[in-house]
């Protein structure tokens, strides 16, 4: 029997109480130590059946701000890995200079070319953030963020 191509989409981020406007955010995550990555949210993508990954598409949205400083710089990146493996950057680190205390929404989307350490099911996805000032970075993920995987199931 020939393998079947399956598409699986998940919206795994920012789950919690329902809202009146349909927009949910994960719990806010703050940085502590200067220039040290903090995991904002991490999820595992595990489709109902496993198989060979053909393509992965991301639509990832997060909010960033400083707690009280107008001069804080934040750096963030989304990462993925085969479950339990080595993290792979999905894009280069993004610096938001002097981000201020109002949330700034950022989106990263597209299809990622599979590579060593990110090429099998199940896999993990996370957002990391750091700040150049102690106890100033704050971030959260949005419920509209999604991961779509196309794979060949036996």
Foldseek 3Di string as FASTA:
>chain_A
DFWDKDKDKDLPFQDDDADPVRKGKHPKDWAADAPDKDWQDKDKDADPFWFWWDWKKKKWKKKKEWQAFQFKKKKKFKWKFAVPFDIDTQDDIDIDGSRHHDIDMDIDIDIGDDDPRGTTPIMMMTMIMHIRDGGIMMMITISVIMMMIIGTGD
